[in-house]
Amino acid sequence: MSAAPDPSSVRIPGPWRHRAVSANGIQLHVAECGEGPLVVLAHGFPEFWWSWRHQLVALADAGFRVVAVDLRGYGDSDKPPRGYDLWTLSGDLAGLIRALGARDATVVGHGWGGLIAWALAALHPRLVRSLVVLNAAHPLALRRAVWRDPAGQGRATARYALGFQVPLLPERSLRRHDAARVERLLRSWSGAGWRSTPEFDEVVRRNRAAMLITGVPHSALEYYRWAVRSQGRPDGRRFAHAMSRPLDLPVLQIHGADDPTLLEHTARESARWVADEHRWHVLPEVGHFPHQEASHATSRVISDFLRG
């Protein structure tokens, strides 16, 4: 077996600046582009900061300071043994915003990054100017849907999340055959049109390599393990209570209509936890990765929301 890639291998060159930022007791790797009001981009699974490459440039061109972060446990960020709960993960982004010298930020999150963004807005509301969420439901909307729609959202979530709960085997599965499972996930979760493009081959190659970095498979799976195991624990109940207050800030939700992991009606239920302006935008024939599958349309919708 070949040696694991160095974490610094994710520092892919481009029209952005790479650096490490100390936040919430760890070092987070970020790629930064542009000047202006701060926009923080948080990726999902099984990705890393590079999934935002299109938005980094487009939003910087629109007049914003854009920062894409490798979340805790991913890429060139620290991979501590603990801290993969939404309390701590939202604290990472809160610390990042402060460390970047900003009073507040628009936070854009996809997948797990979207769940963290919802939590950040609820737990640290003064730091969030507005919220953009791609293919991620409010945590309470997702929890309700899993139980109330077992044949729909419950089955969609169980297909992958339950298998991640056992120890060791899922980590080995993610690493096996040079992270071939990452390619299978990207293919099965995305829209058919994107899978036939040359860009998709590069996305597969880079995300497989990023998953092979030492510590990333375990860290990535710990997100899912906390989400499931905390449901019946006191910390899970405290988190649900803390998330129950509607958000008093503008929210834009973007959703790929063909996402098999998060159903559209589940994501739409998030609106009940938004007391301010709530916008909803669906991208047809797009799966779980709208920021990559329909990058121009996604960037345009986000830019219009930020300007508005």
C-alpha atoms as a PDB file:
ATOM      1  CA  MET A   1       0.000   0.000   0.000  1.00  0.00           C
ATOM      2  CA  SER A   2       1.340   3.457  -0.883  1.00  0.00           C
ATOM      3  CA  ALA A   3       2.018   6.023   1.821  1.00  0.00           C
ATOM      4  CA  ALA A   4      -0.853   8.242   2.917  1.00  0.00           C
ATOM      5  CA  PRO A   5      -0.861  11.694   1.269  1.00  0.00           C
ATOM      6  CA  ASP A   6       0.556  14.560   3.277  1.00  0.00           C
ATOM      7  CA  PRO A   7      -2.196  16.852   4.631  1.00  0.00           C
ATOM      8  CA  SER A   8      -0.593  19.793   2.832  1.00  0.00           C
ATOM      9  CA  SER A   9      -1.442  18.100  -0.474  1.00  0.00           C
ATOM     10  CA  VAL A  10      -4.920  19.645  -0.259  1.00  0.00           C
ATOM     11  CA  ARG A  11      -3.393  23.128  -0.573  1.00  0.00           C
ATOM     12  CA  ILE A  12      -4.214  23.188  -4.271  1.00  0.00           C
ATOM     13  CA  PRO A  13      -2.912  26.317  -6.019  1.00  0.00           C
ATOM     14  CA  GLY A  14      -5.323  28.818  -7.510  1.00  0.00           C
ATOM     15  CA  PRO A  15      -6.469  32.446  -7.248  1.00  0.00           C
ATOM     16  CA  TRP A  16      -6.727  32.118  -3.471  1.00  0.00           C
ATOM     17  CA  ARG A  17      -4.414  32.245  -0.455  1.00  0.00           C
ATOM     18  CA  HIS A  18      -3.828  29.287   1.864  1.00  0.00           C
ATOM     19  CA  ARG A  19      -3.148  29.698   5.572  1.00  0.00           C
ATOM     20  CA  ALA A  20      -3.741  28.135   8.984  1.00  0.00           C
ATOM     21  CA  VAL A  21      -5.966  29.885  11.524  1.00  0.00           C
ATOM     22  CA  SER A  22      -6.136  29.106  15.256  1.00  0.00           C
ATOM     23  CA  ALA A  23      -9.753  28.724  16.343  1.00  0.00           C
ATOM     24  CA  ASN A  24     -11.486  26.958  19.230  1.00  0.00           C
ATOM     25  CA  GLY A  25      -8.263  25.292  20.348  1.00  0.00           C
ATOM     26  CA  ILE A  26      -7.272  23.789  16.977  1.00  0.00           C
ATOM     27  CA  GLN A  27      -5.665  24.830  13.706  1.00  0.00           C
ATOM     28  CA  LEU A  28      -7.999  25.149  10.742  1.00  0.00           C
ATOM     29  CA  HIS A  29      -6.730  25.306   7.181  1.00  0.00           C
ATOM     30  CA  VAL A  30      -8.496  27.885   4.999  1.00  0.00           C
ATOM     31  CA  ALA A  31      -8.347  29.105   1.418  1.00  0.00           C
ATOM     32  CA  GLU A  32      -9.160  32.810   1.135  1.00  0.00           C
ATOM     33  CA  CYS A  33     -10.050  35.021  -1.810  1.00  0.00           C
ATOM     34  CA  GLY A  34     -11.249  38.610  -2.272  1.00  0.00           C
ATOM     35  CA  GLU A  35     -11.970  41.611  -0.072  1.00  0.00           C
ATOM     36  CA  GLY A  36     -15.158  42.874   1.533  1.00  0.00           C
ATOM     37  CA  PRO A  37     -17.790  41.494   3.935  1.00  0.00           C
ATOM     38  CA  LEU A  38     -16.825  38.028   5.164  1.00  0.00           C
ATOM     39  CA  VAL A  39     -18.393  34.881   3.703  1.00  0.00           C
ATOM     40  CA  VAL A  40     -17.395  31.537   5.245  1.00  0.00           C
ATOM     41  CA  LEU A  41     -17.881  28.337   3.211  1.00  0.00           C
ATOM     42  CA  ALA A  42     -18.225  24.990   5.041  1.00  0.00           C
ATOM     43  CA  HIS A  43     -18.052  21.754   3.021  1.00  0.00           C
ATOM     44  CA  GLY A  44     -19.820  18.441   3.495  1.00  0.00           C
ATOM     45  CA  PHE A  45     -18.947  14.730   3.327  1.00  0.00           C
ATOM     46  CA  PRO A  46     -16.956  13.242   1.588  1.00  0.00           C
ATOM     47  CA  GLU A  47     -15.335  16.491   0.454  1.00  0.00           C
ATOM     48  CA  PHE A  48     -12.874  19.160   1.607  1.00  0.00           C
ATOM     49  CA  TRP A  49     -12.480  22.916   1.079  1.00  0.00           C
ATOM     50  CA  TRP A  50     -11.801  22.548  -2.673  1.00  0.00           C
ATOM     51  CA  SER A  51     -15.458  21.733  -3.369  1.00  0.00           C
ATOM     52  CA  TRP A  52     -16.050  25.522  -3.095  1.00  0.00           C
ATOM     53  CA  ARG A  53     -13.453  26.462  -5.747  1.00  0.00           C
ATOM     54  CA  HIS A  54     -16.094  27.991  -8.040  1.00  0.00           C
ATOM     55  CA  GLN A  55     -17.784  30.008  -5.305  1.00  0.00           C
ATOM     56  CA  LEU A  56     -14.460  31.241  -3.910  1.00  0.00           C
ATOM     57  CA  VAL A  57     -13.804  33.064  -7.173  1.00  0.00           C
ATOM     58  CA  ALA A  58     -17.378  34.048  -8.062  1.00  0.00           C
ATOM     59  CA  LEU A  59     -18.212  35.539  -4.659  1.00  0.00           C
ATOM     60  CA  ALA A  60     -14.841  37.296  -4.457  1.00  0.00           C
ATOM     61  CA  ASP A  61     -15.576  38.846  -7.867  1.00  0.00           C
ATOM     62  CA  ALA A  62     -18.939  39.957  -6.440  1.00  0.00           C
ATOM     63  CA  GLY A  63     -17.169  41.980  -3.744  1.00  0.00           C
ATOM     64  CA  PHE A  64     -16.794  39.643  -0.774  1.00  0.00           C
ATOM     65  CA  ARG A  65     -13.969  38.254   1.331  1.00  0.00           C
ATOM     66  CA  VAL A  66     -14.524  34.517   0.901  1.00  0.00           C
ATOM     67  CA  VAL A  67     -12.971  31.860   3.140  1.00  0.00           C
ATOM     68  CA  ALA A  68     -13.380  28.117   2.487  1.00  0.00           C
ATOM     69  CA  VAL A  69     -12.402  26.014   5.486  1.00  0.00           C
ATOM     70  CA  ASP A  70     -11.328  22.416   5.918  1.00  0.00           C
ATOM     71  CA  LEU A  71     -13.613  21.354   8.749  1.00  0.00           C
ATOM     72  CA  ARG A  72     -12.198  19.707  11.876  1.00  0.00           C
ATOM     73  CA  GLY A  73     -10.813  16.318  10.882  1.00  0.00           C
ATOM     74  CA  TYR A  74     -10.518  17.049   7.156  1.00  0.00           C
ATOM     75  CA  GLY A  75      -7.786  18.109   4.758  1.00  0.00           C
ATOM     76  CA  ASP A  76      -4.999  20.123   6.353  1.00  0.00           C
ATOM     77  CA  SER A  77      -6.977  21.043   9.484  1.00  0.00           C
ATOM     78  CA  ASP A  78      -6.262  19.386  12.833  1.00  0.00           C
ATOM     79  CA  LYS A  79      -7.745  15.948  13.490  1.00  0.00           C
ATOM     80  CA  PRO A  80      -8.151  15.647  17.266  1.00  0.00           C
ATOM     81  CA  PRO A  81      -9.689  12.490  18.736  1.00  0.00           C
ATOM     82  CA  ARG A  82     -12.782  14.342  19.991  1.00  0.00           C
ATOM     83  CA  GLY A  83     -14.988  17.289  19.195  1.00  0.00           C
ATOM     84  CA  TYR A  84     -17.140  15.967  16.347  1.00  0.00           C
ATOM     85  CA  ASP A  85     -20.428  17.094  17.896  1.00  0.00           C
ATOM     86  CA  LEU A  86     -22.415  20.067  16.635  1.00  0.00           C
ATOM     87  CA  TRP A  87     -21.700  22.033  19.818  1.00  0.00           C
ATOM     88  CA  THR A  88     -17.957  21.918  19.153  1.00  0.00           C
ATOM     89  CA  LEU A  89     -18.120  22.073  15.362  1.00  0.00           C
ATOM     90  CA  SER A  90     -20.213  25.244  15.479  1.00  0.00           C
ATOM     91  CA  GLY A  91     -17.709  26.593  18.006  1.00  0.00           C
ATOM     92  CA  ASP A  92     -14.960  25.982  15.448  1.00  0.00           C
ATOM     93  CA  LEU A  93     -16.677  28.270  12.939  1.00  0.00           C
ATOM     94  CA  ALA A  94     -17.484  30.837  15.632  1.00  0.00           C
ATOM     95  CA  GLY A  95     -13.812  30.893  16.588  1.00  0.00           C
ATOM     96  CA  LEU A  96     -12.800  31.112  12.941  1.00  0.00           C
ATOM     97  CA  ILE A  97     -14.978  34.187  12.318  1.00  0.00           C
ATOM     98  CA  ARG A  98     -13.485  35.906  15.369  1.00  0.00           C
ATOM     99  CA  ALA A  99      -9.938  34.896  14.426  1.00  0.00           C
ATOM    100  CA  LEU A 100     -10.424  36.371  10.958  1.00  0.00           C
ATOM    101  CA  GLY A 101     -11.109  39.710  12.639  1.00  0.00           C
ATOM    102  CA  ALA A 102     -14.720  39.998  11.505  1.00  0.00           C
ATOM    103  CA  ARG A 103     -17.676  41.087  13.602  1.00  0.00           C
ATOM    104  CA  ASP A 104     -19.944  38.676  11.730  1.00  0.00           C
ATOM    105  CA  ALA A 105     -20.183  36.672   8.512  1.00  0.00           C
ATOM    106  CA  THR A 106     -22.546  35.136   6.054  1.00  0.00           C
ATOM    107  CA  VAL A 107     -22.103  31.395   6.509  1.00  0.00           C
ATOM    108  CA  VAL A 108     -22.635  29.062   3.546  1.00  0.00           C
ATOM    109  CA  GLY A 109     -22.801  25.371   4.371  1.00  0.00           C
ATOM    110  CA  HIS A 110     -23.353  22.223   2.335  1.00  0.00           C
ATOM    111  CA  GLY A 111     -24.335  18.833   3.753  1.00  0.00           C
ATOM    112  CA  TRP A 112     -22.598  18.482   7.106  1.00  0.00           C
ATOM    113  CA  GLY A 113     -21.328  22.018   6.671  1.00  0.00           C
ATOM    114  CA  GLY A 114     -24.974  23.058   6.371  1.00  0.00           C
ATOM    115  CA  LEU A 115     -25.903  21.318   9.623  1.00  0.00           C
ATOM    116  CA  ILE A 116     -23.010  23.107  11.320  1.00  0.00           C
ATOM    117  CA  ALA A 117     -24.163  26.407   9.811  1.00  0.00           C
ATOM    118  CA  TRP A 118     -27.689  25.937  11.198  1.00  0.00           C
ATOM    119  CA  ALA A 119     -26.174  25.193  14.624  1.00  0.00           C
ATOM    120  CA  LEU A 120     -23.826  28.171  14.450  1.00  0.00           C
ATOM    121  CA  ALA A 121     -26.703  30.537  13.675  1.00  0.00           C
ATOM    122  CA  ALA A 122     -28.709  29.208  16.620  1.00  0.00           C
ATOM    123  CA  LEU A 123     -25.894  28.969  19.182  1.00  0.00           C
ATOM    124  CA  HIS A 124     -23.858  32.041  18.132  1.00  0.00           C
ATOM    125  CA  PRO A 125     -26.451  34.318  16.491  1.00  0.00           C
ATOM    126  CA  ARG A 126     -24.451  37.544  16.823  1.00  0.00           C
ATOM    127  CA  LEU A 127     -21.731  36.113  14.577  1.00  0.00           C
ATOM    128  CA  VAL A 128     -24.037  35.212  11.671  1.00  0.00           C
ATOM    129  CA  ARG A 129     -25.246  37.983   9.389  1.00  0.00           C
ATOM    130  CA  SER A 130     -27.166  35.647   7.090  1.00  0.00           C
ATOM    131  CA  LEU A 131     -27.252  31.947   6.296  1.00  0.00           C
ATOM    132  CA  VAL A 132     -27.076  29.968   3.046  1.00  0.00           C
ATOM    133  CA  VAL A 133     -27.649  26.221   3.235  1.00  0.00           C
ATOM    134  CA  LEU A 134     -27.206  23.745   0.387  1.00  0.00           C
ATOM    135  CA  ASN A 135     -28.843  20.324   0.620  1.00  0.00           C
ATOM    136  CA  ALA A 136     -28.975  20.317   4.403  1.00  0.00           C
ATOM    137  CA  ALA A 137     -32.047  20.508   6.625  1.00  0.00           C
ATOM    138  CA  HIS A 138     -32.275  22.188   9.995  1.00  0.00           C
ATOM    139  CA  PRO A 139     -31.127  19.489  12.465  1.00  0.00           C
ATOM    140  CA  LEU A 140     -34.563  19.317  14.097  1.00  0.00           C
ATOM    141  CA  ALA A 141     -36.291  19.071  10.711  1.00  0.00           C
ATOM    142  CA  LEU A 142     -34.040  16.174   9.761  1.00  0.00           C
ATOM    143  CA  ARG A 143     -34.606  14.399  13.070  1.00  0.00           C
ATOM    144  CA  ARG A 144     -38.399  14.752  12.786  1.00  0.00           C
ATOM    145  CA  ALA A 145     -38.390  13.527   9.189  1.00  0.00           C
ATOM    146  CA  VAL A 146     -36.340  10.427   9.977  1.00  0.00           C
ATOM    147  CA  TRP A 147     -38.911   9.329  12.563  1.00  0.00           C
ATOM    148  CA  ARG A 148     -42.101  10.571  10.888  1.00  0.00           C
ATOM    149  CA  ASP A 149     -41.222   9.448   7.359  1.00  0.00           C
ATOM    150  CA  PRO A 150     -39.459   6.113   7.847  1.00  0.00           C
ATOM    151  CA  ALA A 151     -40.102   4.930   4.292  1.00  0.00           C
ATOM    152  CA  GLY A 152     -38.790   8.187   2.823  1.00  0.00           C
ATOM    153  CA  GLN A 153     -36.214  10.236   4.741  1.00  0.00           C
ATOM    154  CA  GLY A 154     -35.713   7.486   7.302  1.00  0.00           C
ATOM    155  CA  ARG A 155     -34.697   5.008   4.628  1.00  0.00           C
ATOM    156  CA  ALA A 156     -32.601   7.594   2.739  1.00  0.00           C
ATOM    157  CA  THR A 157     -30.609   8.345   5.902  1.00  0.00           C
ATOM    158  CA  ALA A 158     -30.314   4.748   7.077  1.00  0.00           C
ATOM    159  CA  ARG A 159     -28.756   3.631   3.776  1.00  0.00           C
ATOM    160  CA  TYR A 160     -25.441   5.110   4.823  1.00  0.00           C
ATOM    161  CA  ALA A 161     -25.617   6.594   8.343  1.00  0.00           C
ATOM    162  CA  LEU A 162     -26.459   3.366  10.168  1.00  0.00           C
ATOM    163  CA  GLY A 163     -23.577   1.514   8.558  1.00  0.00           C
ATOM    164  CA  PHE A 164     -21.223   4.205   9.810  1.00  0.00           C
ATOM    165  CA  GLN A 165     -22.042   3.434  13.463  1.00  0.00           C
ATOM    166  CA  VAL A 166     -19.969   0.267  13.839  1.00  0.00           C
ATOM    167  CA  PRO A 167     -16.309   0.676  14.826  1.00  0.00           C
ATOM    168  CA  LEU A 168     -13.328   0.315  12.482  1.00  0.00           C
ATOM    169  CA  LEU A 169     -15.048  -1.369   9.529  1.00  0.00           C
ATOM    170  CA  PRO A 170     -16.404   1.835   7.956  1.00  0.00           C
ATOM    171  CA  GLU A 171     -12.957   3.448   8.197  1.00  0.00           C
ATOM    172  CA  ARG A 172     -11.445   0.477   6.389  1.00  0.00           C
ATOM    173  CA  SER A 173     -14.199   0.642   3.791  1.00  0.00           C
ATOM    174  CA  LEU A 174     -13.450   4.307   3.080  1.00  0.00           C
ATOM    175  CA  ARG A 175      -9.708   3.613   2.684  1.00  0.00           C
ATOM    176  CA  ARG A 176      -9.945   0.350   0.741  1.00  0.00           C
ATOM    177  CA  HIS A 177      -8.739   0.351  -2.875  1.00  0.00           C
ATOM    178  CA  ASP A 178      -7.477   3.946  -2.661  1.00  0.00           C
ATOM    179  CA  ALA A 179     -10.801   5.246  -1.317  1.00  0.00           C
ATOM    180  CA  ALA A 180     -12.888   3.759  -4.125  1.00  0.00           C
ATOM    181  CA  ARG A 181     -15.976   4.095  -1.923  1.00  0.00           C
ATOM    182  CA  VAL A 182     -15.674   7.878  -2.140  1.00  0.00           C
ATOM    183  CA  GLU A 183     -16.175   7.626  -5.885  1.00  0.00           C
ATOM    184  CA  ARG A 184     -19.211   5.376  -5.400  1.00  0.00           C
ATOM    185  CA  LEU A 185     -20.737   7.896  -2.980  1.00  0.00           C
ATOM    186  CA  LEU A 186     -20.097  10.813  -5.321  1.00  0.00           C
ATOM    187  CA  ARG A 187     -21.664   8.905  -8.215  1.00  0.00           C
ATOM    188  CA  SER A 188     -24.721   7.678  -6.338  1.00  0.00           C
ATOM    189  CA  TRP A 189     -25.449  11.027  -4.658  1.00  0.00           C
ATOM    190  CA  SER A 190     -25.037  13.296  -7.696  1.00  0.00           C
ATOM    191  CA  GLY A 191     -27.142  14.063 -10.760  1.00  0.00           C
ATOM    192  CA  ALA A 192     -26.602  12.059 -13.944  1.00  0.00           C
ATOM    193  CA  GLY A 193     -25.566  15.052 -16.036  1.00  0.00           C
ATOM    194  CA  TRP A 194     -22.581  15.974 -13.883  1.00  0.00           C
ATOM    195  CA  ARG A 195     -21.269  12.412 -13.726  1.00  0.00           C
ATOM    196  CA  SER A 196     -20.577  12.447 -17.467  1.00  0.00           C
ATOM    197  CA  THR A 197     -18.403  15.593 -17.407  1.00  0.00           C
ATOM    198  CA  PRO A 198     -14.583  15.776 -17.375  1.00  0.00           C
ATOM    199  CA  GLU A 199     -14.797  17.844 -14.173  1.00  0.00           C
ATOM    200  CA  PHE A 200     -16.353  14.904 -12.345  1.00  0.00           C
ATOM    201  CA  ASP A 201     -13.245  12.789 -12.967  1.00  0.00           C
ATOM    202  CA  GLU A 202     -11.084  15.460 -11.319  1.00  0.00           C
ATOM    203  CA  VAL A 203     -13.494  15.750  -8.394  1.00  0.00           C
ATOM    204  CA  VAL A 204     -13.312  11.991  -7.858  1.00  0.00           C
ATOM    205  CA  ARG A 205      -9.519  11.969  -8.016  1.00  0.00           C
ATOM    206  CA  ARG A 206      -9.033  14.830  -5.579  1.00  0.00           C
ATOM    207  CA  ASN A 207     -11.628  13.656  -3.055  1.00  0.00           C
ATOM    208  CA  ARG A 208     -10.315  10.103  -3.055  1.00  0.00           C
ATOM    209  CA  ALA A 209      -6.818  11.425  -2.335  1.00  0.00           C
ATOM    210  CA  ALA A 210      -8.107  13.710   0.440  1.00  0.00           C
ATOM    211  CA  MET A 211      -9.897  10.803   2.126  1.00  0.00           C
ATOM    212  CA  LEU A 212      -6.624   8.839   2.270  1.00  0.00           C
ATOM    213  CA  ILE A 213      -4.958  11.452   4.505  1.00  0.00           C
ATOM    214  CA  THR A 214      -4.267   9.878   7.879  1.00  0.00           C
ATOM    215  CA  GLY A 215      -7.113  10.446  10.327  1.00  0.00           C
ATOM    216  CA  VAL A 216      -9.673  11.733   7.845  1.00  0.00           C
ATOM    217  CA  PRO A 217     -11.851   8.590   7.533  1.00  0.00           C
ATOM    218  CA  HIS A 218     -12.237   8.250  11.300  1.00  0.00           C
ATOM    219  CA  SER A 219     -12.873  11.959  11.816  1.00  0.00           C
ATOM    220  CA  ALA A 220     -15.451  12.118   9.027  1.00  0.00           C
ATOM    221  CA  LEU A 221     -17.364   9.162  10.447  1.00  0.00           C
ATOM    222  CA  GLU A 222     -17.370  10.582  13.970  1.00  0.00           C
ATOM    223  CA  TYR A 223     -19.732  13.316  12.752  1.00  0.00           C
ATOM    224  CA  TYR A 224     -22.313  10.660  11.909  1.00  0.00           C
ATOM    225  CA  ARG A 225     -21.693   8.685  15.071  1.00  0.00           C
ATOM    226  CA  TRP A 226     -22.389  11.659  17.324  1.00  0.00           C
ATOM    227  CA  ALA A 227     -25.511  12.554  15.330  1.00  0.00           C
ATOM    228  CA  VAL A 228     -27.049   9.107  15.834  1.00  0.00           C
ATOM    229  CA  ARG A 229     -25.787   8.208  19.305  1.00  0.00           C
ATOM    230  CA  SER A 230     -26.612  11.570  20.890  1.00  0.00           C
ATOM    231  CA  GLN A 231     -30.332  11.236  20.172  1.00  0.00           C
ATOM    232  CA  GLY A 232     -31.065   9.505  23.470  1.00  0.00           C
ATOM    233  CA  ARG A 233     -28.338  11.147  25.536  1.00  0.00           C
ATOM    234  CA  PRO A 234     -28.524  14.305  27.685  1.00  0.00           C
ATOM    235  CA  ASP A 235     -26.201  16.235  25.351  1.00  0.00           C
ATOM    236  CA  GLY A 236     -28.472  15.428  22.423  1.00  0.00           C
ATOM    237  CA  ARG A 237     -31.552  16.617  24.302  1.00  0.00           C
ATOM    238  CA  ARG A 238     -29.766  19.821  25.346  1.00  0.00           C
ATOM    239  CA  PHE A 239     -28.747  20.417  21.757  1.00  0.00           C
ATOM    240  CA  ALA A 240     -32.307  19.933  20.495  1.00  0.00           C
ATOM    241  CA  HIS A 241     -33.582  22.415  23.071  1.00  0.00           C
ATOM    242  CA  ALA A 242     -30.921  24.961  22.104  1.00  0.00           C
ATOM    243  CA  MET A 243     -31.857  24.596  18.434  1.00  0.00           C
ATOM    244  CA  SER A 244     -35.597  25.042  18.952  1.00  0.00           C
ATOM    245  CA  ARG A 245     -35.637  28.854  18.846  1.00  0.00           C
ATOM    246  CA  PRO A 246     -36.423  30.222  15.342  1.00  0.00           C
ATOM    247  CA  LEU A 247     -33.578  32.129  13.710  1.00  0.00           C
ATOM    248  CA  ASP A 248     -33.937  35.894  13.463  1.00  0.00           C
ATOM    249  CA  LEU A 249     -31.805  36.325  10.324  1.00  0.00           C
ATOM    250  CA  PRO A 250     -32.241  35.891   6.548  1.00  0.00           C
ATOM    251  CA  VAL A 251     -31.887  32.324   5.271  1.00  0.00           C
ATOM    252  CA  LEU A 252     -31.484  31.021   1.732  1.00  0.00           C
ATOM    253  CA  GLN A 253     -31.870  27.308   1.063  1.00  0.00           C
ATOM    254  CA  ILE A 254     -30.631  25.840  -2.220  1.00  0.00           C
ATOM    255  CA  HIS A 255     -31.573  22.269  -3.002  1.00  0.00           C
ATOM    256  CA  GLY A 256     -30.661  19.815  -5.741  1.00  0.00           C
ATOM    257  CA  ALA A 257     -33.969  18.190  -6.630  1.00  0.00           C
ATOM    258  CA  ASP A 258     -32.440  14.769  -7.337  1.00  0.00           C
ATOM    259  CA  ASP A 259     -30.608  14.403  -4.015  1.00  0.00           C
ATOM    260  CA  PRO A 260     -31.212  10.827  -2.773  1.00  0.00           C
ATOM    261  CA  THR A 261     -29.788  11.503   0.713  1.00  0.00           C
ATOM    262  CA  LEU A 262     -31.868  14.527   1.770  1.00  0.00           C
ATOM    263  CA  LEU A 263     -35.360  14.646   0.320  1.00  0.00           C
ATOM    264  CA  GLU A 264     -36.783  17.960  -0.800  1.00  0.00           C
ATOM    265  CA  HIS A 265     -39.762  17.908   1.553  1.00  0.00           C
ATOM    266  CA  THR A 266     -37.411  17.330   4.499  1.00  0.00           C
ATOM    267  CA  ALA A 267     -35.294  20.349   3.599  1.00  0.00           C
ATOM    268  CA  ARG A 268     -38.420  22.505   3.108  1.00  0.00           C
ATOM    269  CA  GLU A 269     -39.540  21.770   6.668  1.00  0.00           C
ATOM    270  CA  SER A 270     -36.576  23.850   7.893  1.00  0.00           C
ATOM    271  CA  ALA A 271     -38.580  27.020   7.226  1.00  0.00           C
ATOM    272  CA  ARG A 272     -40.479  26.586  10.498  1.00  0.00           C
ATOM    273  CA  TRP A 273     -37.261  27.433  12.374  1.00  0.00           C
ATOM    274  CA  VAL A 274     -36.745  30.728  10.494  1.00  0.00           C
ATOM    275  CA  ALA A 275     -38.492  33.824  11.847  1.00  0.00           C
ATOM    276  CA  ASP A 276     -36.906  36.221   9.332  1.00  0.00           C
ATOM    277  CA  GLU A 277     -36.814  36.150   5.522  1.00  0.00           C
ATOM    278  CA  HIS A 278     -36.640  32.633   4.100  1.00  0.00           C
ATOM    279  CA  ARG A 279     -35.864  31.980   0.443  1.00  0.00           C
ATOM    280  CA  TRP A 280     -36.053  28.612  -1.268  1.00  0.00           C
ATOM    281  CA  HIS A 281     -34.401  27.738  -4.586  1.00  0.00           C
ATOM    282  CA  VAL A 282     -34.572  24.317  -6.249  1.00  0.00           C
ATOM    283  CA  LEU A 283     -32.160  23.247  -8.987  1.00  0.00           C
ATOM    284  CA  PRO A 284     -33.723  20.560 -11.215  1.00  0.00           C
ATOM    285  CA  GLU A 285     -31.689  17.558 -12.373  1.00  0.00           C
ATOM    286  CA  VAL A 286     -29.085  18.297  -9.699  1.00  0.00           C
ATOM    287  CA  GLY A 287     -28.173  15.918  -6.909  1.00  0.00           C
ATOM    288  CA  HIS A 288     -26.482  16.390  -3.545  1.00  0.00           C
ATOM    289  CA  PHE A 289     -23.701  18.732  -4.735  1.00  0.00           C
ATOM    290  CA  PRO A 290     -25.289  21.836  -6.332  1.00  0.00           C
ATOM    291  CA  HIS A 291     -22.213  24.008  -5.715  1.00  0.00           C
ATOM    292  CA  GLN A 292     -20.266  21.659  -7.995  1.00  0.00           C
ATOM    293  CA  GLU A 293     -22.936  20.188 -10.275  1.00  0.00           C
ATOM    294  CA  ALA A 294     -24.479  23.579 -11.137  1.00  0.00           C
ATOM    295  CA  SER A 295     -21.721  25.904 -10.003  1.00  0.00           C
ATOM    296  CA  HIS A 296     -22.653  28.961 -12.080  1.00  0.00           C
ATOM    297  CA  ALA A 297     -26.325  28.856 -11.122  1.00  0.00           C
ATOM    298  CA  THR A 298     -25.491  28.267  -7.470  1.00  0.00           C
ATOM    299  CA  SER A 299     -22.983  31.114  -7.348  1.00  0.00           C
ATOM    300  CA  ARG A 300     -25.458  33.462  -9.030  1.00  0.00           C
ATOM    301  CA  VAL A 301     -28.263  32.647  -6.582  1.00  0.00           C
ATOM    302  CA  ILE A 302     -25.947  33.131  -3.598  1.00  0.00           C
ATOM    303  CA  SER A 303     -24.578  36.408  -4.991  1.00  0.00           C
ATOM    304  CA  ASP A 304     -28.080  37.775  -5.574  1.00  0.00           C
ATOM    305  CA  PHE A 305     -29.063  36.848  -2.020  1.00  0.00           C
ATOM    306  CA  LEU A 306     -25.984  38.486  -0.521  1.00  0.00           C
ATOM    307  CA  ARG A 307     -26.467  41.682  -2.518  1.00  0.00           C
ATOM    308  CA  GLY A 308     -30.135  41.808  -1.592  1.00  0.00           C
END
